Amino acid sequence: EDAEIIINEFLSLNKNLLAQVGNMDQKSVDSFLTEKGINLHGKGYIYGEVGIFGAGGSNPSPFNTPIEFPEETIKELLISGYNKIETAPFKIMICHTPPFETKLDMLPNGAHVGSKLVREFIEEYKPHIAVVGHIHEGKGEDYIGNTKLFNPGVFKDGGYVHISIKGSIINGSLKQI
């Protein structure tokens, strides 16, 4: 019910919406997003020259949250979505789980808890931009090769990523409401 309220609010502002589950969502949210035709989890969509693909949930955590997957499954979901957009000139990955050993997967104690296979995927497939979440304390920007990485932090705190394309250049930046 909470997801439906939020999604409907966003859809009232913009009909061009894609969404996916986080690790704290219930599995029914994934079904709801699929019914609405806006689920990005394991899927990919092309809009003009831009391909957007993603994977929701998270890698296993010590908290046993509702939507966790083995690392291999997350990589398979990313590959599935990527295969649907591979012809797009610009590729944007939206993955709830951050890649391992970046500024975006670091806990306050300095431990890296991201996904090694998400990192491997980025190194192999080289999306232009990757937007991640999951580690709320990992808000910031980083790079893996030429892939620019963003973690906007918790949405309720006003963080988001603005992505623009001008000619043959795609760029992103962190923003705050």
Protein backbone atom coordinates (compact mmCIF):
# COMPACT_ATOMS: atom_id res chain seq x y z
CA GLU A 1 0.00 0.00 0.00
CA ASP A 2 2.84 2.42 0.79
CA ALA A 3 4.57 1.68 -2.50
CA GLU A 4 1.32 2.25 -4.41
CA ILE A 5 0.87 5.68 -2.81
CA ILE A 6 4.44 6.72 -3.63
CA ILE A 7 4.41 5.32 -7.18
CA ASN A 8 1.05 6.93 -7.97
CA GLU A 9 2.33 10.26 -6.68
CA PHE A 10 5.35 10.08 -8.98
CA LEU A 11 3.20 8.95 -11.91
CA SER A 12 0.97 12.00 -11.40
CA LEU A 13 4.08 14.15 -11.95
CA ASN A 14 5.68 12.17 -14.76
CA LYS A 15 4.32 9.17 -16.70
CA ASN A 16 7.89 8.19 -17.70
CA LEU A 17 8.75 6.28 -14.55
CA LEU A 18 10.80 3.17 -13.89
CA ALA A 19 11.26 1.67 -10.42
CA GLN A 20 12.65 -1.39 -8.71
CA VAL A 21 12.65 -2.94 -5.27
CA GLY A 22 15.17 -2.31 -2.56
CA ASN A 23 16.17 -4.92 -0.04
CA MET A 24 13.72 -3.63 2.59
CA ASP A 25 10.68 -3.81 0.27
CA GLN A 26 8.25 -6.69 0.44
CA LYS A 27 8.10 -9.11 -2.51
CA SER A 28 4.59 -7.85 -3.27
CA VAL A 29 6.16 -4.50 -4.28
CA ASP A 30 8.07 -6.26 -7.07
CA SER A 31 4.79 -7.75 -8.34
CA PHE A 32 3.06 -4.37 -8.09
CA LEU A 33 5.80 -2.67 -10.15
CA THR A 34 5.52 -5.41 -12.78
CA GLU A 35 1.72 -4.99 -12.93
CA LYS A 36 2.21 -1.24 -13.47
CA GLY A 37 4.66 -1.97 -16.31
CA ILE A 38 7.45 0.06 -14.69
CA ASN A 39 9.64 -2.61 -13.08
CA LEU A 40 13.33 -2.22 -13.90
CA HIS A 41 14.40 -5.31 -11.94
CA GLY A 42 16.15 -7.61 -14.43
CA LYS A 43 14.79 -5.59 -17.33
CA GLY A 44 15.99 -2.93 -19.73
CA TYR A 45 14.31 -0.14 -21.68
CA ILE A 46 15.51 2.08 -24.51
CA TYR A 47 14.38 5.70 -24.76
CA GLY A 48 15.83 7.30 -27.87
CA GLU A 49 19.59 6.89 -27.49
CA VAL A 50 19.47 5.95 -23.80
CA GLY A 51 19.28 2.42 -22.47
CA ILE A 52 18.35 1.96 -18.81
CA PHE A 53 18.62 -1.41 -17.08
CA GLY A 54 18.77 -2.61 -13.52
CA ALA A 55 18.57 -5.02 -10.63
CA GLY A 56 16.90 -4.47 -7.29
CA GLY A 57 17.25 -6.04 -3.87
CA SER A 58 20.68 -6.60 -2.37
CA ASN A 59 23.39 -9.13 -1.91
CA PRO A 60 23.08 -11.18 1.32
CA SER A 61 23.29 -9.11 4.48
CA PRO A 62 23.52 -9.99 8.18
CA PHE A 63 20.02 -8.50 8.59
CA ASN A 64 18.17 -11.09 6.45
CA THR A 65 16.05 -8.41 4.76
CA PRO A 66 13.06 -9.39 2.59
CA ILE A 67 14.70 -9.05 -0.85
CA GLU A 68 18.22 -10.44 -0.94
CA PHE A 69 19.83 -12.45 -3.72
CA PRO A 70 23.01 -14.44 -4.16
CA GLU A 71 25.63 -12.35 -5.96
CA GLU A 72 25.37 -14.62 -9.03
CA THR A 73 21.65 -13.83 -9.32
CA ILE A 74 22.26 -10.08 -9.21
CA LYS A 75 24.82 -10.37 -12.01
CA GLU A 76 22.40 -12.52 -14.06
CA LEU A 77 19.66 -9.89 -13.60
CA LEU A 78 22.04 -7.15 -14.74
CA ILE A 79 23.08 -9.17 -17.80
CA SER A 80 19.43 -9.84 -18.65
CA GLY A 81 18.62 -6.12 -18.50
CA TYR A 82 21.79 -5.14 -20.35
CA ASN A 83 21.00 -7.55 -23.19
CA LYS A 84 17.77 -5.60 -23.81
CA ILE A 85 19.63 -2.27 -24.20
CA GLU A 86 23.02 -3.25 -25.60
CA THR A 87 22.39 -1.40 -28.89
CA ALA A 88 21.73 1.92 -27.13
CA PRO A 89 24.56 4.47 -27.51
CA PHE A 90 24.22 5.55 -23.84
CA LYS A 91 23.85 2.96 -21.08
CA ILE A 92 22.65 3.70 -17.55
CA MET A 93 22.67 0.99 -14.89
CA ILE A 94 20.37 1.31 -11.88
CA CYS A 95 21.36 -1.30 -9.30
CA HIS A 96 20.30 -1.18 -5.67
CA THR A 97 23.48 -3.02 -4.66
CA PRO A 98 26.70 -0.99 -4.97
CA PRO A 99 29.90 -2.44 -6.41
CA PHE A 100 32.53 -3.68 -3.97
CA GLU A 101 35.47 -1.51 -2.86
CA THR A 102 34.17 1.90 -3.86
CA LYS A 103 33.24 4.97 -1.85
CA LEU A 104 29.62 3.92 -2.34
CA ASP A 105 29.71 0.61 -0.45
CA MET A 106 31.62 1.74 2.62
CA LEU A 107 30.17 1.57 6.12
CA PRO A 108 31.18 4.17 8.75
CA ASN A 109 33.70 1.67 10.18
CA GLY A 110 35.46 1.53 6.79
CA ALA A 111 34.23 -1.94 5.83
CA HIS A 112 33.28 -2.48 2.19
CA VAL A 113 30.04 -4.47 1.86
CA GLY A 114 29.12 -4.10 -1.81
CA SER A 115 28.92 -6.81 -4.42
CA LYS A 116 32.04 -8.22 -6.04
CA LEU A 117 29.98 -9.45 -8.98
CA VAL A 118 28.33 -6.04 -9.51
CA ARG A 119 31.84 -4.62 -9.69
CA GLU A 120 32.83 -7.39 -12.11
CA PHE A 121 29.77 -6.61 -14.25
CA ILE A 122 30.70 -2.90 -14.44
CA GLU A 123 34.31 -3.73 -15.33
CA GLU A 124 33.17 -6.09 -18.11
CA TYR A 125 30.13 -4.28 -19.59
CA LYS A 126 31.21 -0.67 -18.89
CA PRO A 127 27.90 1.21 -18.56
CA HIS A 128 28.41 4.97 -18.85
CA ILE A 129 26.71 5.70 -15.53
CA ALA A 130 25.72 3.48 -12.61
CA VAL A 131 23.32 4.67 -9.92
CA VAL A 132 23.25 2.56 -6.77
CA GLY A 133 21.77 2.71 -3.29
CA HIS A 134 21.50 0.25 -0.40
CA ILE A 135 24.38 1.63 1.69
CA HIS A 136 22.84 4.87 2.95
CA GLU A 137 26.15 6.02 4.43
CA GLY A 138 27.81 5.53 1.03
CA LYS A 139 26.34 8.68 -0.50
CA GLY A 140 28.71 10.12 -3.05
CA GLU A 141 30.46 9.65 -6.38
CA ASP A 142 33.21 7.36 -7.62
CA TYR A 143 34.52 5.67 -10.76
CA ILE A 144 35.27 2.18 -11.97
CA GLY A 145 37.27 2.71 -15.13
CA ASN A 146 35.25 5.21 -17.19
CA THR A 147 31.94 4.31 -15.51
CA LYS A 148 30.80 7.14 -13.26
CA LEU A 149 29.12 5.83 -10.12
CA PHE A 150 26.55 7.60 -7.96
CA ASN A 151 24.86 6.83 -4.65
CA PRO A 152 22.37 9.64 -3.98
CA GLY A 153 21.68 8.48 -0.43
CA VAL A 154 18.23 8.14 1.06
CA PHE A 155 15.53 9.73 -1.12
CA LYS A 156 13.57 10.96 1.90
CA ASP A 157 16.64 13.08 2.70
CA GLY A 158 16.36 14.74 -0.72
CA GLY A 159 19.21 13.14 -2.64
CA TYR A 160 18.95 12.32 -6.33
CA VAL A 161 21.07 12.06 -9.47
CA HIS A 162 20.64 14.35 -12.46
CA ILE A 163 21.78 12.83 -15.77
CA SER A 164 22.09 14.90 -18.94
CA ILE A 165 23.13 14.16 -22.49
CA LYS A 166 24.52 16.79 -24.83
CA GLY A 167 25.62 15.52 -28.21
CA SER A 168 27.92 12.59 -27.62
CA ILE A 169 28.52 13.40 -23.92
CA ILE A 170 26.59 11.84 -21.03
CA ASN A 171 27.13 13.34 -17.60
CA GLY A 172 25.65 12.99 -14.17
CA SER A 173 25.77 14.84 -10.90
CA LEU A 174 24.46 14.43 -7.38
CA LYS A 175 21.71 16.85 -6.42
CA GLN A 176 19.84 17.73 -3.26
CA ILE A 177 16.22 18.82 -3.04
